[in-house]
C-alpha atoms as a PDB file:
ATOM      1  CA  GLN A   1       0.296  -0.235  -0.106  1.00  0.00           C
ATOM      2  CA  ALA A   2       3.212   2.888   1.096  1.00  0.00           C
ATOM      3  CA  ARG A   3       3.756   1.875  -3.439  1.00  0.00           C
ATOM      4  CA  ARG A   4       0.494   3.451  -4.257  1.00  0.00           C
ATOM      5  CA  GLN A   5       0.004   5.807  -2.172  1.00  0.00           C
ATOM      6  CA  SER A   6       1.775   8.216   0.168  1.00  0.00           C
ATOM      7  CA  SER A   7       1.273   7.772   3.452  1.00  0.00           C
ATOM      8  CA  GLU A   8       3.372   9.221   7.196  1.00  0.00           C
ATOM      9  CA  THR A   9       1.195   6.888   8.510  1.00  0.00           C
ATOM     10  CA  ILE A  10       1.888   3.821   6.693  1.00  0.00           C
ATOM     11  CA  ASN A  11       5.600   4.628   6.295  1.00  0.00           C
ATOM     12  CA  PHE A  12       5.761   5.268  10.596  1.00  0.00           C
ATOM     13  CA  ALA A  13       4.113   1.857  10.766  1.00  0.00           C
ATOM     14  CA  ILE A  14       7.194   0.205   8.568  1.00  0.00           C
ATOM     15  CA  GLN A  15      10.151   2.063   9.455  1.00  0.00           C
ATOM     16  CA  SER A  16       8.236   0.657  13.213  1.00  0.00           C
ATOM     17  CA  LEU A  17       7.497  -2.872  11.982  1.00  0.00           C
ATOM     18  CA  ASN A  18      11.202  -2.945  10.507  1.00  0.00           C
ATOM     19  CA  HIS A  19      12.994  -1.524  14.083  1.00  0.00           C
ATOM     20  CA  LEU A  20      10.550  -4.228  15.934  1.00  0.00           C
ATOM     21  CA  MET A  21      11.676  -6.643  13.733  1.00  0.00           C
ATOM     22  CA  GLU A  22      15.055  -6.537  14.966  1.00  0.00           C
ATOM     23  CA  LYS A  23      15.072  -6.663  18.279  1.00  0.00           C
ATOM     24  CA  VAL A  24      12.961  -9.992  18.048  1.00  0.00           C
ATOM     25  CA  ILE A  25      15.852 -11.591  16.980  1.00  0.00           C
ATOM     26  CA  LYS A  26      17.544 -10.419  20.478  1.00  0.00           C
ATOM     27  CA  ALA A  27      14.310 -11.152  22.837  1.00  0.00           C
ATOM     28  CA  GLU A  28      15.932 -12.495  25.799  1.00  0.00           C
ATOM     29  CA  SER A  29      12.801 -13.800  27.232  1.00  0.00           C
ATOM     30  CA  TRP A  30       9.444 -15.414  26.135  1.00  0.00           C
ATOM     31  CA  GLU A  31       7.716 -12.124  27.888  1.00  0.00           C
ATOM     32  CA  ARG A  32       9.913  -9.855  25.868  1.00  0.00           C
ATOM     33  CA  LEU A  33       9.102 -11.029  22.542  1.00  0.00           C
ATOM     34  CA  MET A  34       5.158 -11.247  23.515  1.00  0.00           C
ATOM     35  CA  GLY A  35       5.474  -7.664  24.674  1.00  0.00           C
ATOM     36  CA  LEU A  36       6.769  -6.232  20.554  1.00  0.00           C
ATOM     37  CA  GLU A  37       4.570  -9.098  19.191  1.00  0.00           C
ATOM     38  CA  GLY A  38       1.725  -6.168  20.981  1.00  0.00           C
ATOM     39  CA  ALA A  39       3.917  -3.818  20.243  1.00  0.00           C
ATOM     40  CA  ALA A  40       4.175  -4.689  16.295  1.00  0.00           C
ATOM     41  CA  ALA A  41      -0.080  -5.391  16.268  1.00  0.00           C
ATOM     42  CA  SER A  42      -0.620  -1.548  17.598  1.00  0.00           C
ATOM     43  CA  GLN A  43       1.755  -0.668  14.966  1.00  0.00           C
ATOM     44  CA  TYR A  44       0.304  -2.561  12.221  1.00  0.00           C
ATOM     45  CA  PHE A  45      -3.141  -2.055  12.838  1.00  0.00           C
ATOM     46  CA  SER A  46      -2.624   2.042  13.832  1.00  0.00           C
ATOM     47  CA  ALA A  47      -2.238   1.902   9.934  1.00  0.00           C
ATOM     48  CA  LEU A  48      -5.086  -0.365   8.178  1.00  0.00           C
ATOM     49  CA  GLY A  49      -7.254   2.095   7.863  1.00  0.00           C
ATOM     50  CA  GLU A  50      -5.536   4.089   5.617  1.00  0.00           C
ATOM     51  CA  CYS A  51      -5.261   1.220   3.200  1.00  0.00           C
ATOM     52  CA  LEU A  52      -8.784   0.356   3.232  1.00  0.00           C
ATOM     53  CA  ASN A  53      -9.904   2.728  -0.036  1.00  0.00           C
ATOM     54  CA  HIS A  54     -13.856   1.669  -0.055  1.00  0.00           C
ATOM     55  CA  PRO A  55     -15.797   4.065   2.212  1.00  0.00           C
ATOM     56  CA  GLU A  56     -17.605   2.024   3.677  1.00  0.00           C
ATOM     57  CA  PHE A  57     -15.507   0.263   4.855  1.00  0.00           C
ATOM     58  CA  VAL A  58     -13.226   2.148   7.854  1.00  0.00           C
ATOM     59  CA  PHE A  59     -10.902   0.743  10.552  1.00  0.00           C
ATOM     60  CA  THR A  60      -9.670   3.054  13.196  1.00  0.00           C
ATOM     61  CA  VAL A  61      -9.723   0.636  15.949  1.00  0.00           C
ATOM     62  CA  ARG A  62      -8.741  -3.002  16.788  1.00  0.00           C
ATOM     63  CA  SER A  63     -12.294  -4.375  18.990  1.00  0.00           C
ATOM     64  CA  ARG A  64     -13.377  -7.512  19.361  1.00  0.00           C
ATOM     65  CA  ARG A  65     -15.605  -9.344  20.973  1.00  0.00           C
ATOM     66  CA  PRO A  66     -18.103  -7.942  19.607  1.00  0.00           C
ATOM     67  CA  PRO A  67     -16.629  -6.506  17.122  1.00  0.00           C
ATOM     68  CA  GLY A  68     -17.552  -2.725  16.586  1.00  0.00           C
ATOM     69  CA  ASN A  69     -17.471  -2.893  12.744  1.00  0.00           C
ATOM     70  CA  PRO A  70     -18.149  -4.567   9.566  1.00  0.00           C
ATOM     71  CA  VAL A  71     -13.803  -4.916   9.111  1.00  0.00           C
ATOM     72  CA  ASN A  72     -13.214  -6.235  12.363  1.00  0.00           C
ATOM     73  CA  ALA A  73     -15.750  -8.667  11.632  1.00  0.00           C
ATOM     74  CA  MET A  74     -14.467  -9.565   8.217  1.00  0.00           C
ATOM     75  CA  LEU A  75     -10.848  -9.575  10.179  1.00  0.00           C
ATOM     76  CA  SER A  76     -11.860 -11.599  13.455  1.00  0.00           C
ATOM     77  CA  PHE A  77     -13.693 -14.448  11.353  1.00  0.00           C
ATOM     78  CA  GLY A  78     -10.511 -14.007   8.752  1.00  0.00           C
ATOM     79  CA  TYR A  79      -8.536 -15.209  11.936  1.00  0.00           C
ATOM     80  CA  GLN A  80     -11.183 -17.587  13.231  1.00  0.00           C
ATOM     81  CA  VAL A  81     -10.729 -19.157  10.359  1.00  0.00           C
ATOM     82  CA  LEU A  82      -7.216 -19.637   9.730  1.00  0.00           C
ATOM     83  CA  TRP A  83      -6.629 -20.767  13.691  1.00  0.00           C
ATOM     84  CA  ASN A  84      -9.402 -23.417  12.551  1.00  0.00           C
ATOM     85  CA  HIS A  85      -7.503 -24.956   9.512  1.00  0.00           C
ATOM     86  CA  LEU A  86      -3.701 -24.838  11.515  1.00  0.00           C
ATOM     87  CA  LEU A  87      -5.736 -26.817  14.194  1.00  0.00           C
ATOM     88  CA  SER A  88      -6.302 -29.332  11.944  1.00  0.00           C
ATOM     89  CA  LEU A  89      -3.460 -29.650  10.523  1.00  0.00           C
ATOM     90  CA  ILE A  90      -1.162 -29.291  13.741  1.00  0.00           C
ATOM     91  CA  GLU A  91      -3.928 -32.340  15.067  1.00  0.00           C
ATOM     92  CA  LEU A  92      -3.158 -34.052  11.788  1.00  0.00           C
ATOM     93  CA  GLN A  93       1.229 -33.924  12.140  1.00  0.00           C
ATOM     94  CA  GLY A  94       0.160 -35.754  15.271  1.00  0.00           C
ATOM     95  CA  LEU A  95       0.814 -32.553  17.693  1.00  0.00           C
ATOM     96  CA  ASP A  96      -0.309 -31.501  20.633  1.00  0.00           C
ATOM     97  CA  PRO A  97      -2.301 -28.584  20.293  1.00  0.00           C
ATOM     98  CA  TYR A  98      -3.356 -27.966  23.786  1.00  0.00           C
ATOM     99  CA  PHE A  99       0.943 -28.058  23.731  1.00  0.00           C
ATOM    100  CA  GLY A 100       1.808 -23.406  23.288  1.00  0.00           C
ATOM    101  CA  CYS A 101       5.501 -21.656  23.715  1.00  0.00           C
ATOM    102  CA  LEU A 102       3.811 -18.622  23.249  1.00  0.00           C
ATOM    103  CA  HIS A 103       0.291 -18.677  24.326  1.00  0.00           C
ATOM    104  CA  GLN A 104      -0.981 -20.201  27.571  1.00  0.00           C
ATOM    105  CA  GLY A 105      -3.192 -23.378  26.724  1.00  0.00           C
ATOM    106  CA  THR A 106      -6.480 -24.264  28.296  1.00  0.00           C
ATOM    107  CA  GLU A 107      -8.579 -27.376  27.172  1.00  0.00           C
ATOM    108  CA  ARG A 108     -10.177 -24.521  25.516  1.00  0.00           C
ATOM    109  CA  HIS A 109      -8.131 -23.140  23.828  1.00  0.00           C
ATOM    110  CA  ALA A 110      -5.230 -24.470  21.902  1.00  0.00           C
ATOM    111  CA  ALA A 111      -2.366 -22.452  22.269  1.00  0.00           C
ATOM    112  CA  LEU A 112       0.001 -23.866  19.822  1.00  0.00           C
ATOM    113  CA  ALA A 113      -2.432 -22.577  16.860  1.00  0.00           C
ATOM    114  CA  SER A 114      -2.532 -18.780  19.173  1.00  0.00           C
ATOM    115  CA  ASP A 115       1.290 -19.959  18.861  1.00  0.00           C
ATOM    116  CA  LEU A 116       1.613 -20.154  14.848  1.00  0.00           C
ATOM    117  CA  ILE A 117      -1.121 -17.703  14.196  1.00  0.00           C
END
């Protein structure tokens, strides 16, 4: 999107994401890694609204449970489809989907799928 239109918000988000990727390599703990992931998500979603060109699709902030608008609803749906697909692939490989590295698994949450997303 940055190639199609000039935007300070998008350019800043790209620079921030590149900086955060450099920090990920040097993360000394999983807590730090999760913090960097959260910061990256914040930067990504701060610029997403400028990447949408249709006037009926307005995105200002990520909201979940319940999604606050059609864009957030589509994002939530897409994440759920991806999560279920990954869960199927994990189970087909014979791996334990409830044992994750970054997310805490419970009897109702397959943490490995969330880790991969």
